[in-house]
Protein backbone atom coordinates (compact mmCIF):
# COMPACT_ATOMS: atom_id res chain seq x y z
CA MET A 1 96.41 -125.64 76.73
CA SER A 2 97.44 -122.96 74.49
CA HIS A 3 100.05 -122.15 77.24
CA VAL A 4 101.18 -125.69 77.31
CA ALA A 5 101.76 -125.98 73.58
CA HIS A 6 103.57 -122.56 73.56
CA ARG A 7 105.95 -123.86 76.44
CA ILE A 8 106.55 -127.06 74.53
CA GLU A 9 107.26 -125.40 71.40
CA GLU A 10 109.61 -123.03 72.97
CA GLU A 11 111.31 -125.88 74.89
CA ALA A 12 111.66 -127.70 71.34
CA ARG A 13 113.32 -124.57 69.69
CA GLU A 14 115.62 -124.18 72.38
CA GLY A 15 116.82 -127.77 72.36
CA ALA A 16 116.98 -127.72 68.58
CA GLU A 17 119.26 -124.68 68.48
CA GLU A 18 121.37 -126.06 71.11
CA LYS A 19 121.84 -129.31 69.49
CA ALA A 20 122.63 -127.63 66.16
CA ARG A 21 125.35 -125.51 67.57
CA LYS A 22 126.99 -128.47 68.88
CA ILE A 23 126.68 -130.51 65.67
CA ILE A 24 128.22 -127.46 63.74
CA ALA A 25 131.00 -126.99 66.46
CA LEU A 26 131.93 -130.49 66.07
CA ALA A 27 132.02 -130.29 62.49
CA ILE A 28 134.23 -127.37 62.57
CA GLN A 29 136.52 -128.73 65.27
CA ARG A 30 137.05 -131.88 63.20
CA CYS A 31 137.82 -129.91 59.99
CA ALA A 32 140.49 -127.61 61.46
CA VAL A 33 142.25 -125.97 58.29
CA ASP A 34 145.07 -123.68 57.92
CA GLN A 35 144.89 -122.53 54.52
CA THR A 36 145.24 -118.79 53.73
CA SER A 37 143.44 -116.94 50.93
CA GLU A 38 144.92 -117.53 47.63
CA SER A 39 144.65 -115.95 44.24
CA ALA A 40 145.94 -117.08 40.75
CA VAL A 41 149.46 -115.51 40.04
CA SER A 42 149.55 -113.50 37.06
CA VAL A 43 152.75 -111.48 37.45
CA VAL A 44 155.95 -112.93 35.68
CA PRO A 45 159.17 -111.56 37.22
CA ILE A 46 162.07 -110.75 34.73
CA PRO A 47 165.57 -110.20 35.43
CA SER A 48 166.31 -107.03 33.57
CA GLU A 49 164.16 -104.35 31.55
CA ASP A 50 166.03 -105.63 28.39
CA VAL A 51 163.88 -108.87 28.43
CA LYS A 52 160.69 -106.78 27.90
CA GLY A 53 162.17 -105.68 24.37
CA ARG A 54 162.91 -109.65 23.57
CA ILE A 55 159.30 -110.56 24.72
CA ILE A 56 157.76 -107.75 22.19
CA GLY A 57 160.27 -108.95 19.50
CA ARG A 58 160.78 -107.16 16.13
CA GLU A 59 157.76 -105.18 15.20
CA GLY A 60 155.88 -106.85 17.99
CA ARG A 61 155.90 -110.20 16.21
CA ASN A 62 156.96 -112.20 19.64
CA ILE A 63 154.20 -110.85 21.72
CA ARG A 64 151.62 -110.88 18.94
CA THR A 65 152.58 -114.83 18.61
CA PHE A 66 152.44 -115.43 22.39
CA GLU A 67 148.81 -113.75 22.78
CA GLN A 68 147.43 -115.43 19.94
CA LEU A 69 148.56 -118.82 20.79
CA SER A 70 147.98 -118.60 24.53
CA GLY A 71 144.63 -116.67 24.34
CA THR A 72 145.96 -114.18 26.84
CA ASP A 73 146.94 -110.47 26.91
CA LEU A 74 150.41 -109.51 27.83
CA ILE A 75 150.62 -106.09 29.62
CA ILE A 76 154.23 -104.76 29.53
CA ASP A 77 154.26 -101.04 30.81
CA ASP A 78 156.71 -99.31 33.09
CA THR A 79 156.29 -101.60 36.08
CA PRO A 80 160.02 -102.65 36.70
CA GLU A 81 161.09 -105.91 36.24
CA ALA A 82 157.50 -107.53 35.66
CA VAL A 83 155.38 -108.38 33.13
CA VAL A 84 151.49 -109.04 33.60
CA VAL A 85 149.50 -111.95 32.11
CA SER A 86 145.77 -111.03 31.93
CA CYS A 87 143.16 -113.42 31.21
CA PHE A 88 139.74 -114.23 32.73
CA ASP A 89 140.34 -118.09 32.17
CA PRO A 90 142.47 -119.11 35.11
CA VAL A 91 143.89 -122.19 33.57
CA ARG A 92 144.81 -120.54 30.37
CA ARG A 93 146.37 -117.77 32.37
CA GLU A 94 148.44 -120.09 34.46
CA THR A 95 149.61 -121.92 31.25
CA ALA A 96 150.68 -118.42 29.73
CA ARG A 97 152.34 -117.66 32.92
CA LEU A 98 154.35 -120.90 33.27
CA ALA A 99 155.58 -120.61 29.42
CA LEU A 100 156.56 -117.09 29.77
CA GLN A 101 158.55 -117.74 32.73
CA ASN A 102 160.21 -120.56 30.99
CA LEU A 103 161.07 -118.33 28.06
CA VAL A 104 162.63 -115.90 30.15
CA ASN A 105 164.65 -118.57 31.94
CA ASP A 106 165.55 -120.00 28.59
CA GLY A 107 166.41 -116.64 26.87
CA ARG A 108 165.51 -117.90 23.39
CA ILE A 109 162.29 -116.01 22.66
CA HIS A 110 161.12 -116.54 18.88
CA PRO A 111 157.65 -117.80 17.56
CA ALA A 112 158.70 -121.38 17.21
CA ARG A 113 160.25 -121.27 20.84
CA ILE A 114 157.03 -119.56 22.03
CA GLU A 115 154.85 -122.52 20.47
CA GLU A 116 157.08 -125.00 22.11
CA MET A 117 157.22 -123.67 25.64
CA LEU A 118 153.48 -123.11 25.50
CA GLY A 119 152.81 -126.96 24.37
CA ARG A 120 155.16 -127.94 27.46
CA ALA A 121 153.32 -125.65 30.12
CA LYS A 122 149.96 -127.09 28.86
CA LEU A 123 151.12 -130.51 29.52
CA GLU A 124 152.44 -129.44 32.81
CA VAL A 125 149.40 -127.75 34.05
CA GLN A 126 147.25 -130.56 33.08
CA ALA A 127 149.40 -132.88 35.19
CA LYS A 128 149.25 -130.61 38.00
CA MET A 129 145.54 -130.52 37.81
CA ARG A 130 145.30 -134.17 37.51
CA GLU A 131 147.72 -134.68 40.40
CA ALA A 132 145.59 -132.18 42.49
CA ALA A 133 142.15 -133.95 41.65
CA GLU A 134 143.53 -137.30 42.67
CA SER A 135 145.03 -135.61 45.91
CA ALA A 136 141.64 -133.90 46.92
CA CYS A 137 139.74 -136.95 46.16
CA ALA A 138 141.92 -139.16 48.54
CA GLU A 139 141.68 -136.55 51.00
CA ALA A 140 137.89 -136.50 50.91
CA ASN A 141 137.75 -140.30 50.65
CA VAL A 142 135.53 -139.92 47.39
CA ARG A 143 136.09 -141.90 44.27
CA LEU A 144 135.14 -139.85 40.83
CA PRO A 145 134.85 -140.96 37.24
CA LYS A 146 137.84 -139.91 35.15
CA PRO A 147 135.82 -137.55 32.98
CA ILE A 148 134.66 -135.59 36.00
CA MET A 149 138.15 -135.94 37.46
CA GLU A 150 139.64 -133.91 34.52
CA VAL A 151 137.03 -131.06 35.10
CA PHE A 152 137.35 -131.25 38.82
CA GLY A 153 141.28 -130.54 38.64
CA ARG A 154 140.56 -127.13 36.84
CA LEU A 155 139.36 -125.83 40.27
CA LEU A 156 142.87 -125.88 41.35
CA TYR A 157 143.35 -122.63 39.59
CA ARG A 158 139.90 -121.24 40.34
CA THR A 159 139.42 -119.06 43.15
CA SER A 160 136.29 -117.13 44.73
CA TYR A 161 137.22 -113.92 46.74
CA GLY A 162 140.73 -115.32 47.18
CA GLN A 163 139.55 -118.62 48.35
CA ASN A 164 140.91 -121.72 46.27
CA ILE A 165 137.85 -123.61 45.23
CA LEU A 166 139.61 -126.97 44.94
CA LYS A 167 140.31 -126.76 48.78
CA HIS A 168 137.18 -125.13 49.52
CA SER A 169 135.45 -128.17 48.11
CA VAL A 170 137.47 -130.66 50.07
CA GLU A 171 136.80 -128.62 53.32
CA MET A 172 133.11 -128.96 52.47
CA ALA A 173 133.21 -132.56 51.98
CA LYS A 174 134.68 -133.19 55.26
CA LEU A 175 132.18 -130.68 57.06
CA ALA A 176 129.28 -132.26 55.48
CA ALA A 177 130.17 -135.91 56.16
CA SER A 178 130.63 -134.89 59.98
CA ILE A 179 127.32 -132.91 59.92
CA ALA A 180 125.57 -136.06 58.12
CA ALA A 181 126.78 -138.65 60.62
CA GLU A 182 125.58 -136.49 63.43
CA LEU A 183 122.04 -135.95 61.88
CA GLY A 184 121.63 -139.83 60.74
CA ALA A 185 121.61 -138.45 57.05
CA ASP A 186 123.37 -140.11 54.14
CA VAL A 187 126.96 -139.50 54.78
CA GLN A 188 128.40 -140.63 51.12
CA VAL A 189 125.60 -138.61 49.32
CA ALA A 190 126.23 -135.52 51.44
CA LYS A 191 130.16 -135.72 51.16
CA ARG A 192 130.15 -136.27 47.40
CA ALA A 193 127.51 -133.61 46.88
CA ALA A 194 129.94 -131.23 48.83
CA LEU A 195 132.85 -132.16 46.76
CA LEU A 196 131.15 -131.61 43.50
CA HIS A 197 128.76 -128.55 44.34
CA ASP A 198 131.03 -125.96 42.69
CA ILE A 199 132.45 -128.10 39.87
CA GLY A 200 130.44 -125.91 37.18
CA LYS A 201 132.91 -123.13 38.25
CA ALA A 202 135.57 -125.11 36.13
CA LEU A 203 133.27 -124.81 32.91
CA ASP A 204 131.60 -121.12 33.48
CA HIS A 205 134.66 -119.41 31.42
CA ASP A 206 133.65 -121.58 28.50
CA HIS A 207 130.26 -122.17 28.59
CA GLU A 208 127.16 -120.28 29.12
CA GLY A 209 124.98 -120.56 32.29
CA THR A 210 125.40 -120.47 35.91
CA HIS A 211 128.12 -122.66 37.77
CA VAL A 212 125.04 -124.54 39.19
CA ASP A 213 123.36 -125.34 35.94
CA LEU A 214 126.60 -126.37 34.45
CA GLY A 215 127.76 -128.60 37.16
CA VAL A 216 124.23 -130.33 37.28
CA GLU A 217 124.19 -130.86 33.45
CA LEU A 218 127.83 -132.26 33.90
CA MET A 219 126.82 -134.62 36.80
CA LYS A 220 123.68 -135.78 34.71
CA ARG A 221 125.94 -136.58 31.68
CA HIS A 222 128.23 -138.87 33.92
CA ARG A 223 125.21 -140.57 35.61
CA GLU A 224 125.78 -139.26 39.10
CA SER A 225 122.90 -140.38 41.61
CA ASP A 226 119.84 -138.04 41.45
CA ALA A 227 120.22 -137.59 45.40
CA VAL A 228 123.79 -136.26 44.88
CA ILE A 229 122.70 -133.95 41.87
CA ARG A 230 119.98 -132.70 44.08
CA ALA A 231 122.09 -132.11 46.92
CA ALA A 232 124.65 -130.32 44.93
CA GLY A 233 122.26 -128.45 42.63
CA GLU A 234 120.40 -126.74 45.82
CA HIS A 235 123.47 -125.42 47.63
CA HIS A 236 122.51 -121.93 46.73
CA MET A 237 119.20 -120.22 48.04
CA ASP A 238 117.51 -120.02 44.63
CA VAL A 239 115.30 -123.06 45.01
CA THR A 240 111.95 -122.72 46.69
CA GLN A 241 112.29 -125.90 48.95
CA MET A 242 114.89 -128.14 49.94
CA THR A 243 114.32 -131.82 48.89
CA SER A 244 116.38 -133.68 50.86
CA LEU A 245 118.37 -133.41 54.36
CA GLU A 246 121.76 -133.98 52.64
CA SER A 247 120.71 -130.35 50.41
CA VAL A 248 120.48 -128.73 53.80
CA ILE A 249 123.79 -130.05 54.98
CA VAL A 250 125.62 -129.15 51.82
CA GLN A 251 124.47 -125.64 51.90
CA ILE A 252 125.37 -125.41 55.74
CA ALA A 253 128.74 -126.70 54.83
CA ASP A 254 129.11 -124.05 52.09
CA ALA A 255 128.27 -121.32 54.71
CA ILE A 256 130.85 -122.53 57.11
CA SER A 257 133.46 -122.91 54.72
CA SER A 258 132.95 -119.87 52.89
CA ALA A 259 132.09 -117.86 55.83
CA ARG A 260 134.64 -118.61 58.61
CA PRO A 261 137.25 -115.91 59.44
CA GLY A 262 140.23 -115.94 56.90
CA ALA A 263 138.33 -118.13 54.26
CA ARG A 264 137.96 -115.32 51.87
CA ARG A 265 139.04 -111.72 51.26
CA GLU A 266 136.88 -108.98 49.84
CA ASN A 267 138.08 -105.74 47.88
CA VAL A 268 137.87 -103.00 50.14
CA GLU A 269 135.65 -100.90 47.91
CA ILE A 270 133.10 -103.52 47.59
CA TYR A 271 133.28 -104.30 51.49
CA ILE A 272 132.64 -100.59 52.28
CA LYS A 273 129.72 -100.29 49.80
CA ARG A 274 127.88 -103.50 51.40
CA LEU A 275 128.04 -101.62 54.56
CA GLU A 276 126.59 -98.65 53.21
CA ASN A 277 123.93 -100.55 51.63
CA LEU A 278 122.60 -102.46 54.54
CA GLU A 279 122.32 -98.94 56.17
CA LYS A 280 120.74 -97.57 53.25
CA ILE A 281 118.18 -100.26 53.33
CA ALA A 282 117.62 -99.98 57.08
CA ASP A 283 117.22 -96.19 56.76
CA SER A 284 114.72 -96.42 53.98
CA PHE A 285 111.93 -97.64 56.28
CA SER A 286 109.74 -95.32 58.07
CA GLY A 287 110.29 -94.63 61.87
CA VAL A 288 114.12 -95.30 61.71
CA GLU A 289 116.15 -92.99 63.53
CA LYS A 290 119.41 -94.38 62.89
CA SER A 291 120.98 -97.71 61.83
CA TYR A 292 124.43 -99.12 62.10
CA ALA A 293 126.19 -101.99 60.16
CA ILE A 294 128.37 -103.57 62.60
CA GLN A 295 130.44 -106.96 63.09
CA ALA A 296 131.90 -106.48 59.81
CA GLY A 297 128.54 -106.43 58.10
CA ARG A 298 127.43 -109.43 59.97
CA GLU A 299 124.65 -107.49 61.89
CA VAL A 300 122.43 -104.45 61.31
CA ARG A 301 121.42 -102.41 64.43
CA ILE A 302 118.42 -100.29 64.01
CA VAL A 303 117.38 -97.72 66.40
CA VAL A 304 113.53 -96.51 66.15
CA LYS A 305 111.32 -93.61 67.16
CA PRO A 306 109.45 -95.12 70.02
CA GLU A 307 106.72 -92.57 69.31
CA GLN A 308 106.26 -93.95 65.97
CA VAL A 309 107.28 -97.59 66.08
CA ASP A 310 105.43 -99.77 68.70
CA ASP A 311 106.60 -103.15 69.81
CA LEU A 312 104.69 -105.20 67.23
CA ALA A 313 105.83 -102.81 64.55
CA SER A 314 109.39 -103.45 65.66
CA LEU A 315 109.06 -107.15 64.96
CA ARG A 316 107.83 -106.34 61.42
CA LEU A 317 110.36 -104.01 60.80
CA ALA A 318 113.16 -106.48 61.42
CA ARG A 319 111.42 -109.08 59.25
CA ASP A 320 110.72 -106.70 56.42
CA VAL A 321 114.51 -105.47 56.61
CA ALA A 322 115.97 -108.95 56.39
CA GLN A 323 113.52 -109.58 53.41
CA ARG A 324 114.83 -106.57 51.79
CA ILE A 325 118.51 -107.55 52.25
CA GLN A 326 117.82 -110.89 50.88
CA GLU A 327 116.19 -109.86 47.82
CA GLU A 328 118.59 -107.02 47.00
CA MET A 329 121.91 -107.98 48.37
CA THR A 330 124.69 -110.71 47.79
CA TYR A 331 126.81 -111.71 50.78
CA PRO A 332 128.33 -114.69 52.54
CA GLY A 333 126.78 -116.15 55.59
CA GLU A 334 123.88 -114.57 57.59
CA ILE A 335 123.32 -111.04 58.75
CA LYS A 336 121.48 -110.37 61.88
CA ILE A 337 118.94 -107.79 62.32
CA THR A 338 118.41 -106.28 65.75
CA VAL A 339 115.57 -103.48 66.12
CA ILE A 340 116.08 -101.32 69.11
CA ARG A 341 113.09 -99.33 70.82
CA GLU A 342 114.03 -97.32 73.71
CA THR A 343 111.61 -95.02 75.56
CA ARG A 344 112.66 -92.69 78.30
CA ALA A 345 110.81 -91.00 80.84
CA THR A 346 112.53 -87.59 82.56
CA GLU A 347 111.19 -85.34 85.03
CA ILE A 348 113.15 -82.76 87.09
CA ALA A 349 112.75 -82.71 90.97
CA ARG A 350 112.86 -79.09 92.27
């Protein structure tokens, strides 16, 4: 009987994996996206080096006025024909960039004109964000209340590893809707939760707390349904147990959108350090002869000493390495752990 039960379990597992692959592949095919990695522009080109002096102003009054009113820092150095706008808040940085560009084009740079241009740029950026939010909701076929729309539009200037968060959210909504339809889940809940899952990132520069907590608080304040709030709030693996199928779908859509090739870019130093950390974790276990991080960090292959690690210990080693990686590292998508135990018998015929 145990043999029959084991066979049925294996067949069910194989069938589930095949069906899951088909559902995910279908969702990806329906959501063929062509966007490239983006980042907020913070460099303002200037026509000549003389403009730098006018931006600074007599005794630095222009640059001080600009920085105080805009809440940003202007970096004016030896870089030819360029001024850098620095600020952690992407909306504030974009407003300052636009205002400075208009000041350079206008040619009249003085405190009163700076204040006027910053006011115009702020209105223009707000209009762009509102238009982008409306366009995103129309593309995802989701209606949002006006207060949430105002916050949602701020994601136009928010990026994560070069991926635009607004486009990422729309992409996720489409993926979640497709997967939910195939699984018989609530399509509207999955789609709405996927669209709003990262809305807290529009607030995390001005408020304390994680983007998940800020997003959940915002949705509660504007009376989103409990199902949507749960599914959106559980999209990271920091919950002990998922409370709904829609939560799992949102997490899957997030992994597909963020981990697909070309979606995000990484700093070279961070990328290399992650590969080194993967190998370091694997090498820390006893019986490991050598480890290799391959497939751009998507897989770790561990070669063990066969005289020290038997077949059962190999299974435990793969599980323990995976657990350590989950606890100690941050990474997109999944990392496959493969343990290789090879024995060789050599004899010489004379």
